[in-house]
């Protein structure tokens, strides 16, 4: 595995070790969709009693982030859904959307700024930040999880429905 990917996994292991205090078990870190760069990412997964957490680095969009999702019978679901409803998929939200929904966005914690902006100049800017300060990015995200998502990592997903609705409204605004 590439040295920079190993560094990312090491940083995540270090900065998100607190999840183990909540009873989470790390499922390792691996590259997903490696054969198709536009979809490739490295993901470190943790599972608790009812909630899973993924810390990811999506290469094409230069986006490092955190996703929370409901487990299905204690297992990682085959599919996750971030908006709408589906009987075949578990509900999921990302930390960036949660922070915006709660109106708790903090540039000191979210060093990559507006990760929803996928224009080339913004991606290039995020790539530079990742190269120069990956440790700070991961540290900020882990602090944000503790500050904003303590109830979620404790197993309470009651906020998911509202955050998912908020996400769908953001998408509608973006494309209207």
C-alpha atoms as a PDB file:
ATOM      1  CA  UNK A   1       0.000   0.000   0.000  1.00  0.00           C
ATOM      2  CA  UNK A   2       1.187   3.498  -0.799  1.00  0.00           C
ATOM      3  CA  UNK A   3       2.935   5.360   2.052  1.00  0.00           C
ATOM      4  CA  UNK A   4       0.428   8.234   2.052  1.00  0.00           C
ATOM      5  CA  UNK A   5      -2.480   5.777   2.325  1.00  0.00           C
ATOM      6  CA  UNK A   6      -0.736   4.065   5.235  1.00  0.00           C
ATOM      7  CA  UNK A   7      -0.307   7.487   6.853  1.00  0.00           C
ATOM      8  CA  UNK A   8      -4.032   8.174   6.474  1.00  0.00           C
ATOM      9  CA  UNK A   9      -4.973   4.831   8.050  1.00  0.00           C
ATOM     10  CA  UNK A  10      -2.474   5.384  10.885  1.00  0.00           C
ATOM     11  CA  UNK A  11      -3.857   8.874  11.550  1.00  0.00           C
ATOM     12  CA  UNK A  12      -7.420   7.543  11.612  1.00  0.00           C
ATOM     13  CA  UNK A  13      -6.437   4.678  13.923  1.00  0.00           C
ATOM     14  CA  UNK A  14      -4.797   7.156  16.296  1.00  0.00           C
ATOM     15  CA  UNK A  15      -7.378   9.951  16.232  1.00  0.00           C
ATOM     16  CA  UNK A  16     -10.481   7.730  16.225  1.00  0.00           C
ATOM     17  CA  UNK A  17      -9.262   5.259  18.865  1.00  0.00           C
ATOM     18  CA  UNK A  18     -11.776   6.886  21.250  1.00  0.00           C
ATOM     19  CA  UNK A  19     -14.527   4.984  19.408  1.00  0.00           C
ATOM     20  CA  UNK A  20     -13.278   1.805  21.075  1.00  0.00           C
ATOM     21  CA  UNK A  21     -14.197   3.384  24.435  1.00  0.00           C
ATOM     22  CA  UNK A  22     -17.781   3.485  23.110  1.00  0.00           C
ATOM     23  CA  UNK A  23     -17.597  -0.247  22.378  1.00  0.00           C
ATOM     24  CA  UNK A  24     -16.770   0.068  18.679  1.00  0.00           C
ATOM     25  CA  UNK A  25     -14.673  -2.508  16.898  1.00  0.00           C
ATOM     26  CA  UNK A  26     -12.374  -1.461  14.071  1.00  0.00           C
ATOM     27  CA  UNK A  27     -12.922  -3.397  10.845  1.00  0.00           C
ATOM     28  CA  UNK A  28      -9.643  -2.244   9.309  1.00  0.00           C
ATOM     29  CA  UNK A  29      -8.784   0.067   6.479  1.00  0.00           C
ATOM     30  CA  UNK A  30      -8.820  -0.779   2.807  1.00  0.00           C
ATOM     31  CA  UNK A  31      -9.138   0.713  -0.648  1.00  0.00           C
ATOM     32  CA  UNK A  32     -12.574   0.392  -2.221  1.00  0.00           C
ATOM     33  CA  UNK A  33     -13.274   0.575  -5.969  1.00  0.00           C
ATOM     34  CA  UNK A  34      -9.544   0.496  -6.634  1.00  0.00           C
ATOM     35  CA  UNK A  35     -10.010  -0.407 -10.302  1.00  0.00           C
ATOM     36  CA  UNK A  36     -12.004   2.739 -11.107  1.00  0.00           C
ATOM     37  CA  UNK A  37     -10.331   5.944  -9.907  1.00  0.00           C
ATOM     38  CA  UNK A  38     -13.420   8.207  -9.966  1.00  0.00           C
ATOM     39  CA  UNK A  39     -15.016   5.966  -7.320  1.00  0.00           C
ATOM     40  CA  UNK A  40     -11.910   4.867  -5.417  1.00  0.00           C
ATOM     41  CA  UNK A  41     -11.424   5.700  -1.768  1.00  0.00           C
ATOM     42  CA  UNK A  42      -9.738   4.372   1.324  1.00  0.00           C
ATOM     43  CA  UNK A  43     -12.150   3.606   4.163  1.00  0.00           C
ATOM     44  CA  UNK A  44     -11.600   2.719   7.814  1.00  0.00           C
ATOM     45  CA  UNK A  45     -14.731   1.199   9.353  1.00  0.00           C
ATOM     46  CA  UNK A  46     -15.859   0.835  12.937  1.00  0.00           C
ATOM     47  CA  UNK A  47     -18.985  -0.940  14.144  1.00  0.00           C
ATOM     48  CA  UNK A  48     -20.776  -0.495  17.439  1.00  0.00           C
ATOM     49  CA  UNK A  49     -23.928  -2.163  18.704  1.00  0.00           C
ATOM     50  CA  UNK A  50     -26.306  -0.385  16.332  1.00  0.00           C
ATOM     51  CA  UNK A  51     -24.261   2.258  14.485  1.00  0.00           C
ATOM     52  CA  UNK A  52     -21.355   2.046  12.079  1.00  0.00           C
ATOM     53  CA  UNK A  53     -18.788   4.762  11.405  1.00  0.00           C
ATOM     54  CA  UNK A  54     -16.689   5.129   8.266  1.00  0.00           C
ATOM     55  CA  UNK A  55     -13.789   7.516   7.979  1.00  0.00           C
ATOM     56  CA  UNK A  56     -13.024   7.892   4.286  1.00  0.00           C
ATOM     57  CA  UNK A  57     -10.675   9.586   1.879  1.00  0.00           C
ATOM     58  CA  UNK A  58     -12.361   9.950  -1.509  1.00  0.00           C
ATOM     59  CA  UNK A  59      -9.488  10.548  -3.915  1.00  0.00           C
ATOM     60  CA  UNK A  60     -11.158  12.088  -6.976  1.00  0.00           C
ATOM     61  CA  UNK A  61     -12.937  14.762  -4.932  1.00  0.00           C
ATOM     62  CA  UNK A  62     -10.086  15.274  -2.441  1.00  0.00           C
ATOM     63  CA  UNK A  63     -12.537  14.717   0.395  1.00  0.00           C
ATOM     64  CA  UNK A  64     -11.774  13.238   3.794  1.00  0.00           C
ATOM     65  CA  UNK A  65     -14.879  12.778   5.914  1.00  0.00           C
ATOM     66  CA  UNK A  66     -16.973  10.714   8.300  1.00  0.00           C
ATOM     67  CA  UNK A  67     -20.198   8.793   7.675  1.00  0.00           C
ATOM     68  CA  UNK A  68     -22.546   7.366  10.305  1.00  0.00           C
ATOM     69  CA  UNK A  69     -24.961   4.586   9.362  1.00  0.00           C
ATOM     70  CA  UNK A  70     -27.397   2.207  10.970  1.00  0.00           C
ATOM     71  CA  UNK A  71     -26.281  -1.399  11.166  1.00  0.00           C
ATOM     72  CA  UNK A  72     -28.548  -4.197   9.987  1.00  0.00           C
ATOM     73  CA  UNK A  73     -28.706  -6.938  12.609  1.00  0.00           C
ATOM     74  CA  UNK A  74     -25.335  -5.810  13.948  1.00  0.00           C
ATOM     75  CA  UNK A  75     -23.726  -5.997  10.507  1.00  0.00           C
ATOM     76  CA  UNK A  76     -22.515  -3.460   7.959  1.00  0.00           C
ATOM     77  CA  UNK A  77     -25.349  -3.044   5.449  1.00  0.00           C
ATOM     78  CA  UNK A  78     -24.926  -3.880   1.784  1.00  0.00           C
ATOM     79  CA  UNK A  79     -26.430  -0.490   0.859  1.00  0.00           C
ATOM     80  CA  UNK A  80     -26.672   2.903   2.529  1.00  0.00           C
ATOM     81  CA  UNK A  81     -29.033   5.747   1.677  1.00  0.00           C
ATOM     82  CA  UNK A  82     -28.410   9.425   2.486  1.00  0.00           C
ATOM     83  CA  UNK A  83     -31.763  10.837   1.322  1.00  0.00           C
ATOM     84  CA  UNK A  84     -35.226   9.344   1.077  1.00  0.00           C
ATOM     85  CA  UNK A  85     -36.350   5.968   2.371  1.00  0.00           C
ATOM     86  CA  UNK A  86     -35.575   2.429   1.280  1.00  0.00           C
ATOM     87  CA  UNK A  87     -36.375  -0.978   2.708  1.00  0.00           C
ATOM     88  CA  UNK A  88     -33.201  -2.325   1.091  1.00  0.00           C
ATOM     89  CA  UNK A  89     -30.748   0.199   2.551  1.00  0.00           C
ATOM     90  CA  UNK A  90     -29.689   1.555   5.922  1.00  0.00           C
ATOM     91  CA  UNK A  91     -30.041   5.224   6.723  1.00  0.00           C
ATOM     92  CA  UNK A  92     -26.781   7.188   6.700  1.00  0.00           C
ATOM     93  CA  UNK A  93     -25.590  10.748   7.248  1.00  0.00           C
ATOM     94  CA  UNK A  94     -22.232  12.437   6.914  1.00  0.00           C
ATOM     95  CA  UNK A  95     -20.539  14.614   9.497  1.00  0.00           C
ATOM     96  CA  UNK A  96     -20.374  17.652   7.220  1.00  0.00           C
ATOM     97  CA  UNK A  97     -24.154  17.656   6.717  1.00  0.00           C
ATOM     98  CA  UNK A  98     -24.733  17.071  10.426  1.00  0.00           C
ATOM     99  CA  UNK A  99     -22.589  20.118  11.289  1.00  0.00           C
ATOM    100  CA  UNK A 100     -24.485  22.300   8.817  1.00  0.00           C
ATOM    101  CA  UNK A 101     -27.863  21.010  10.032  1.00  0.00           C
ATOM    102  CA  UNK A 102     -26.934  21.769  13.659  1.00  0.00           C
ATOM    103  CA  UNK A 103     -25.507  25.150  12.590  1.00  0.00           C
ATOM    104  CA  UNK A 104     -22.243  24.148  14.288  1.00  0.00           C
ATOM    105  CA  UNK A 105     -19.868  24.467  11.335  1.00  0.00           C
ATOM    106  CA  UNK A 106     -16.379  25.361  12.565  1.00  0.00           C
ATOM    107  CA  UNK A 107     -13.587  26.048  10.053  1.00  0.00           C
ATOM    108  CA  UNK A 108     -11.052  25.057  12.735  1.00  0.00           C
ATOM    109  CA  UNK A 109     -12.495  21.529  12.729  1.00  0.00           C
ATOM    110  CA  UNK A 110     -13.414  21.238   9.059  1.00  0.00           C
ATOM    111  CA  UNK A 111     -10.143  22.184   7.370  1.00  0.00           C
ATOM    112  CA  UNK A 112     -11.246  21.073   3.896  1.00  0.00           C
ATOM    113  CA  UNK A 113     -14.006  23.700   3.951  1.00  0.00           C
ATOM    114  CA  UNK A 114     -16.761  23.197   1.343  1.00  0.00           C
ATOM    115  CA  UNK A 115     -16.317  19.578   0.270  1.00  0.00           C
ATOM    116  CA  UNK A 116     -19.559  19.728  -1.713  1.00  0.00           C
ATOM    117  CA  UNK A 117     -17.885  22.039  -4.226  1.00  0.00           C
ATOM    118  CA  UNK A 118     -16.357  19.678  -6.788  1.00  0.00           C
ATOM    119  CA  UNK A 119     -14.952  22.232  -9.201  1.00  0.00           C
ATOM    120  CA  UNK A 120     -11.365  21.578 -10.263  1.00  0.00           C
ATOM    121  CA  UNK A 121      -9.909  24.642  -8.469  1.00  0.00           C
ATOM    122  CA  UNK A 122     -11.581  23.627  -5.175  1.00  0.00           C
ATOM    123  CA  UNK A 123     -10.453  20.009  -5.547  1.00  0.00           C
ATOM    124  CA  UNK A 124      -6.875  21.172  -6.215  1.00  0.00           C
ATOM    125  CA  UNK A 125      -7.016  23.403  -3.128  1.00  0.00           C
ATOM    126  CA  UNK A 126      -8.230  20.476  -0.980  1.00  0.00           C
ATOM    127  CA  UNK A 127      -5.532  18.199  -2.429  1.00  0.00           C
ATOM    128  CA  UNK A 128      -2.935  20.737  -1.284  1.00  0.00           C
ATOM    129  CA  UNK A 129      -4.441  20.917   2.219  1.00  0.00           C
ATOM    130  CA  UNK A 130      -4.491  17.099   2.447  1.00  0.00           C
ATOM    131  CA  UNK A 131      -0.865  16.885   1.344  1.00  0.00           C
ATOM    132  CA  UNK A 132       0.240  19.554   3.821  1.00  0.00           C
ATOM    133  CA  UNK A 133      -1.969  18.784   6.832  1.00  0.00           C
ATOM    134  CA  UNK A 134      -3.600  15.355   6.742  1.00  0.00           C
ATOM    135  CA  UNK A 135      -3.052  14.930  10.480  1.00  0.00           C
ATOM    136  CA  UNK A 136      -4.843  18.202  11.235  1.00  0.00           C
ATOM    137  CA  UNK A 137      -7.765  17.266   8.988  1.00  0.00           C
ATOM    138  CA  UNK A 138      -8.274  13.899  10.697  1.00  0.00           C
ATOM    139  CA  UNK A 139      -7.802  15.466  14.137  1.00  0.00           C
ATOM    140  CA  UNK A 140     -10.444  18.109  13.376  1.00  0.00           C
ATOM    141  CA  UNK A 141     -12.905  15.482  12.198  1.00  0.00           C
ATOM    142  CA  UNK A 142     -12.398  13.309  15.281  1.00  0.00           C
ATOM    143  CA  UNK A 143     -12.945  16.347  17.524  1.00  0.00           C
ATOM    144  CA  UNK A 144     -16.089  17.214  15.547  1.00  0.00           C
ATOM    145  CA  UNK A 145     -17.433  13.674  16.060  1.00  0.00           C
ATOM    146  CA  UNK A 146     -16.967  14.019  19.819  1.00  0.00           C
ATOM    147  CA  UNK A 147     -18.560  17.492  19.895  1.00  0.00           C
ATOM    148  CA  UNK A 148     -21.416  16.992  17.422  1.00  0.00           C
ATOM    149  CA  UNK A 149     -22.166  13.283  17.242  1.00  0.00           C
ATOM    150  CA  UNK A 150     -21.728  11.895  20.754  1.00  0.00           C
ATOM    151  CA  UNK A 151     -25.384  10.820  20.860  1.00  0.00           C
ATOM    152  CA  UNK A 152     -25.035   9.097  17.475  1.00  0.00           C
ATOM    153  CA  UNK A 153     -21.937   7.137  18.459  1.00  0.00           C
ATOM    154  CA  UNK A 154     -23.800   6.221  21.655  1.00  0.00           C
ATOM    155  CA  UNK A 155     -26.431   4.571  19.444  1.00  0.00           C
ATOM    156  CA  UNK A 156     -29.104   7.274  19.100  1.00  0.00           C
ATOM    157  CA  UNK A 157     -29.970   7.721  15.413  1.00  0.00           C
ATOM    158  CA  UNK A 158     -33.167   9.700  15.990  1.00  0.00           C
ATOM    159  CA  UNK A 159     -31.600  12.744  14.290  1.00  0.00           C
ATOM    160  CA  UNK A 160     -30.969  10.823  11.047  1.00  0.00           C
ATOM    161  CA  UNK A 161     -34.414  11.502   9.565  1.00  0.00           C
ATOM    162  CA  UNK A 162     -34.100  15.272  10.001  1.00  0.00           C
ATOM    163  CA  UNK A 163     -30.506  15.409   8.747  1.00  0.00           C
ATOM    164  CA  UNK A 164     -31.427  13.306   5.705  1.00  0.00           C
ATOM    165  CA  UNK A 165     -34.333  15.666   4.950  1.00  0.00           C
ATOM    166  CA  UNK A 166     -31.964  18.623   5.320  1.00  0.00           C
ATOM    167  CA  UNK A 167     -29.552  16.930   2.888  1.00  0.00           C
ATOM    168  CA  UNK A 168     -32.319  16.471   0.315  1.00  0.00           C
ATOM    169  CA  UNK A 169     -33.246  20.163   0.656  1.00  0.00           C
ATOM    170  CA  UNK A 170     -29.604  21.161   0.104  1.00  0.00           C
ATOM    171  CA  UNK A 171     -29.520  19.071  -3.063  1.00  0.00           C
ATOM    172  CA  UNK A 172     -32.772  20.619  -4.318  1.00  0.00           C
ATOM    173  CA  UNK A 173     -31.334  24.124  -3.779  1.00  0.00           C
ATOM    174  CA  UNK A 174     -28.103  23.182  -5.518  1.00  0.00           C
ATOM    175  CA  UNK A 175     -29.906  22.010  -8.647  1.00  0.00           C
ATOM    176  CA  UNK A 176     -32.725  24.555  -8.825  1.00  0.00           C
END
